[in-house]
C-alpha atoms as a PDB file:
ATOM      1  CA  MET A   1     135.445 148.408 -15.049  1.00  0.00           C
ATOM      2  CA  PRO A   2     137.151 151.639 -16.201  1.00  0.00           C
ATOM      3  CA  LYS A   3     140.628 151.295 -17.632  1.00  0.00           C
ATOM      4  CA  SER A   4     143.266 153.765 -16.535  1.00  0.00           C
ATOM      5  CA  SER A   5     145.229 155.729 -19.094  1.00  0.00           C
ATOM      6  CA  ILE A   6     148.217 155.092 -16.799  1.00  0.00           C
ATOM      7  CA  SER A   7     148.407 151.404 -17.712  1.00  0.00           C
ATOM      8  CA  GLU A   8     152.210 151.130 -17.587  1.00  0.00           C
ATOM      9  CA  LYS A   9     152.347 152.118 -13.901  1.00  0.00           C
ATOM     10  CA  ASP A  10     151.572 149.904 -10.913  1.00  0.00           C
ATOM     11  CA  VAL A  11     151.383 152.465  -8.116  1.00  0.00           C
ATOM     12  CA  VAL A  12     150.251 156.050  -7.604  1.00  0.00           C
ATOM     13  CA  TYR A  13     150.939 158.323  -4.653  1.00  0.00           C
ATOM     14  CA  ARG A  14     148.732 160.515  -2.485  1.00  0.00           C
ATOM     15  CA  ALA A  15     150.474 163.230  -0.480  1.00  0.00           C
ATOM     16  CA  ILE A  16     149.877 162.963   3.272  1.00  0.00           C
ATOM     17  CA  ARG A  17     148.640 166.512   3.827  1.00  0.00           C
ATOM     18  CA  ALA A  18     147.565 166.141   7.460  1.00  0.00           C
ATOM     19  CA  SER A  19     149.423 164.365  10.241  1.00  0.00           C
ATOM     20  CA  GLY A  20     146.179 162.668  11.315  1.00  0.00           C
ATOM     21  CA  TRP A  21     145.792 160.862   7.993  1.00  0.00           C
ATOM     22  CA  THR A  22     148.192 158.135   9.207  1.00  0.00           C
ATOM     23  CA  ASN A  23     149.235 156.817  12.583  1.00  0.00           C
ATOM     24  CA  GLU A  24     152.448 155.361  13.982  1.00  0.00           C
ATOM     25  CA  ASN A  25     151.386 151.910  12.710  1.00  0.00           C
ATOM     26  CA  ASN A  26     151.051 153.352   9.161  1.00  0.00           C
ATOM     27  CA  GLU A  27     147.307 152.807   9.156  1.00  0.00           C
ATOM     28  CA  VAL A  28     145.551 155.292   6.884  1.00  0.00           C
ATOM     29  CA  SER A  29     142.420 157.174   7.864  1.00  0.00           C
ATOM     30  CA  PRO A  30     139.549 157.365   5.358  1.00  0.00           C
ATOM     31  CA  ALA A  31     139.932 161.160   5.693  1.00  0.00           C
ATOM     32  CA  ALA A  32     142.866 160.893   3.266  1.00  0.00           C
ATOM     33  CA  PHE A  33     140.450 159.932   0.486  1.00  0.00           C
ATOM     34  CA  LYS A  34     137.488 162.223   1.032  1.00  0.00           C
ATOM     35  CA  LEU A  35     136.779 164.886  -1.520  1.00  0.00           C
ATOM     36  CA  ARG A  36     136.353 168.467  -0.412  1.00  0.00           C
ATOM     37  CA  GLN A  37     134.075 170.881  -2.255  1.00  0.00           C
ATOM     38  CA  SER A  38     137.163 172.629  -3.670  1.00  0.00           C
ATOM     39  CA  ASP A  39     138.391 169.360  -5.252  1.00  0.00           C
ATOM     40  CA  GLU A  40     135.768 169.686  -8.006  1.00  0.00           C
ATOM     41  CA  GLY A  41     135.170 165.922  -7.994  1.00  0.00           C
ATOM     42  CA  LYS A  42     138.840 165.004  -8.485  1.00  0.00           C
ATOM     43  CA  LEU A  43     141.172 163.537  -5.857  1.00  0.00           C
ATOM     44  CA  SER A  44     144.754 164.675  -6.390  1.00  0.00           C
ATOM     45  CA  ILE A  45     147.449 161.999  -6.745  1.00  0.00           C
ATOM     46  CA  LEU A  46     150.929 161.730  -8.209  1.00  0.00           C
ATOM     47  CA  LEU A  47     152.504 159.337 -10.665  1.00  0.00           C
ATOM     48  CA  LYS A  48     155.946 159.760  -9.073  1.00  0.00           C
ATOM     49  CA  ALA A  49     156.662 160.253  -5.376  1.00  0.00           C
ATOM     50  CA  ASN A  50     159.557 162.617  -6.026  1.00  0.00           C
ATOM     51  CA  CYS A  51     157.063 165.241  -7.196  1.00  0.00           C
ATOM     52  CA  VAL A  52     155.370 165.487  -3.807  1.00  0.00           C
ATOM     53  CA  ALA A  53     157.900 167.913  -2.335  1.00  0.00           C
ATOM     54  CA  LYS A  54     157.529 170.266  -5.309  1.00  0.00           C
ATOM     55  CA  ILE A  55     153.759 170.203  -5.080  1.00  0.00           C
ATOM     56  CA  CYS A  56     153.744 170.700  -1.323  1.00  0.00           C
ATOM     57  CA  SER A  57     156.094 173.638  -1.522  1.00  0.00           C
ATOM     58  CA  ALA A  58     154.094 175.122  -4.400  1.00  0.00           C
ATOM     59  CA  ASP A  59     150.592 174.684  -3.058  1.00  0.00           C
ATOM     60  CA  LEU A  60     149.863 172.411  -0.107  1.00  0.00           C
ATOM     61  CA  GLY A  61     151.593 174.089   2.785  1.00  0.00           C
ATOM     62  CA  SER A  62     152.824 170.881   4.405  1.00  0.00           C
ATOM     63  CA  CYS A  63     153.366 167.247   3.578  1.00  0.00           C
ATOM     64  CA  TYR A  64     154.187 164.306   5.822  1.00  0.00           C
ATOM     65  CA  GLY A  65     154.992 161.716   3.155  1.00  0.00           C
ATOM     66  CA  GLU A  66     153.085 159.624   0.644  1.00  0.00           C
ATOM     67  CA  ILE A  67     150.392 156.970   0.622  1.00  0.00           C
ATOM     68  CA  LEU A  68     150.963 154.351  -2.079  1.00  0.00           C
ATOM     69  CA  LEU A  69     147.984 152.819  -3.871  1.00  0.00           C
ATOM     70  CA  GLY A  70     147.949 150.071  -6.458  1.00  0.00           C
ATOM     71  CA  ILE A  71     146.232 151.237  -9.630  1.00  0.00           C
ATOM     72  CA  ASN A  72     144.398 147.929 -10.002  1.00  0.00           C
ATOM     73  CA  LYS A  73     142.974 148.306  -6.470  1.00  0.00           C
ATOM     74  CA  ILE A  74     141.615 151.735  -7.375  1.00  0.00           C
ATOM     75  CA  GLU A  75     140.121 150.556 -10.653  1.00  0.00           C
ATOM     76  CA  GLU A  76     138.478 147.546  -8.945  1.00  0.00           C
ATOM     77  CA  LEU A  77     136.290 150.086  -7.128  1.00  0.00           C
ATOM     78  CA  GLY A  78     135.031 151.534 -10.425  1.00  0.00           C
ATOM     79  CA  LEU A  79     137.263 154.594 -10.138  1.00  0.00           C
ATOM     80  CA  GLU A  80     139.352 156.027 -12.949  1.00  0.00           C
ATOM     81  CA  ILE A  81     142.797 157.612 -12.938  1.00  0.00           C
ATOM     82  CA  GLN A  82     143.541 160.425 -15.372  1.00  0.00           C
ATOM     83  CA  PRO A  83     146.737 162.418 -15.876  1.00  0.00           C
ATOM     84  CA  GLU A  84     146.211 166.091 -15.102  1.00  0.00           C
ATOM     85  CA  PRO A  85     149.434 168.095 -15.089  1.00  0.00           C
ATOM     86  CA  ILE A  86     148.780 171.166 -12.978  1.00  0.00           C
ATOM     87  CA  LEU A  87     151.871 173.196 -13.806  1.00  0.00           C
ATOM     88  CA  PRO A  88     154.563 172.792 -16.464  1.00  0.00           C
ATOM     89  CA  ASN A  89     157.082 171.875 -13.752  1.00  0.00           C
ATOM     90  CA  ILE A  90     154.715 169.278 -12.192  1.00  0.00           C
ATOM     91  CA  PRO A  91     153.835 166.968 -15.101  1.00  0.00           C
ATOM     92  CA  ASP A  92     153.292 163.889 -12.913  1.00  0.00           C
ATOM     93  CA  HIS A  93     150.065 165.104 -11.296  1.00  0.00           C
ATOM     94  CA  ALA A  94     146.958 162.993 -11.868  1.00  0.00           C
ATOM     95  CA  VAL A  95     143.495 162.608 -10.371  1.00  0.00           C
ATOM     96  CA  ILE A  96     141.147 159.859  -9.253  1.00  0.00           C
ATOM     97  CA  MET A  97     137.743 160.364 -10.872  1.00  0.00           C
ATOM     98  CA  ASN A  98     134.247 159.068 -10.015  1.00  0.00           C
ATOM     99  CA  LEU A  99     134.520 159.450  -6.239  1.00  0.00           C
ATOM    100  CA  PRO A 100     131.241 160.274  -4.474  1.00  0.00           C
ATOM    101  CA  LEU A 101     130.818 163.989  -3.810  1.00  0.00           C
ATOM    102  CA  PRO A 102     130.924 165.254  -0.200  1.00  0.00           C
ATOM    103  CA  GLU A 103     127.183 165.922  -0.127  1.00  0.00           C
ATOM    104  CA  ASN A 104     126.632 162.162  -0.607  1.00  0.00           C
ATOM    105  CA  PHE A 105     128.029 161.596   2.868  1.00  0.00           C
ATOM    106  CA  ILE A 106     127.344 157.850   3.275  1.00  0.00           C
ATOM    107  CA  GLU A 107     128.666 156.913  -0.173  1.00  0.00           C
ATOM    108  CA  ALA A 108     131.674 159.202   0.238  1.00  0.00           C
ATOM    109  CA  GLU A 109     132.505 157.675   3.629  1.00  0.00           C
ATOM    110  CA  GLN A 110     132.143 154.128   2.284  1.00  0.00           C
ATOM    111  CA  MET A 111     134.406 154.772  -0.714  1.00  0.00           C
ATOM    112  CA  ALA A 112     137.005 156.552   1.429  1.00  0.00           C
ATOM    113  CA  THR A 113     137.029 153.569   3.794  1.00  0.00           C
ATOM    114  CA  LEU A 114     137.425 151.109   0.896  1.00  0.00           C
ATOM    115  CA  LEU A 115     140.379 153.104  -0.444  1.00  0.00           C
ATOM    116  CA  SER A 116     142.015 153.286   2.981  1.00  0.00           C
ATOM    117  CA  GLU A 117     141.747 149.497   3.235  1.00  0.00           C
ATOM    118  CA  ARG A 118     143.550 149.094  -0.116  1.00  0.00           C
ATOM    119  CA  VAL A 119     146.668 151.126   0.698  1.00  0.00           C
ATOM    120  CA  ALA A 120     149.809 149.322  -0.446  1.00  0.00           C
ATOM    121  CA  ALA A 121     152.243 151.212   1.797  1.00  0.00           C
ATOM    122  CA  VAL A 122     152.925 154.463   3.621  1.00  0.00           C
ATOM    123  CA  GLN A 123     156.168 156.393   3.223  1.00  0.00           C
ATOM    124  CA  ARG A 124     156.356 158.881   6.080  1.00  0.00           C
ATOM    125  CA  LYS A 125     158.927 161.664   6.059  1.00  0.00           C
ATOM    126  CA  PRO A 126     161.012 162.253   9.198  1.00  0.00           C
ATOM    127  CA  GLU A 127     159.777 165.881   9.128  1.00  0.00           C
ATOM    128  CA  LYS A 128     156.993 167.586   7.283  1.00  0.00           C
ATOM    129  CA  TYR A 129     158.032 169.678   4.334  1.00  0.00           C
ATOM    130  CA  GLY A 130     156.400 172.394   2.319  1.00  0.00           C
ATOM    131  CA  ARG A 131     155.883 176.121   2.567  1.00  0.00           C
ATOM    132  CA  LYS A 132     157.471 177.866   5.494  1.00  0.00           C
ATOM    133  CA  GLU A 133     154.916 179.046   8.009  1.00  0.00           C
ATOM    134  CA  THR A 134     154.833 182.804   8.429  1.00  0.00           C
END
């Protein structure tokens, strides 16, 4: 089982980038954990929830809150978490490694479903935030 280099933390955060990733009962869709081709094999997460607004306004376009995941639940699936600061002002960015690539559809769907079943909590924002639409 891989050991995270984030051993002092208990929880990581995934920005809710699409309103359909969660529902009113705070159930999380597996879509929240599927890699896209542009992800280059790394699923973006955060080590602190207060960074989500900065990241959304810098790059994502919109954000509806955060999905909280226990690090041990991620590692139990054979996945690894690595810090990966993306900008000097966003040092708390990290990634989940070893997820199946999109072209391995069945494996990718299964892993996304397993992650969605291991969500610790959902923190929805009253309004989406991020870049202003033009």
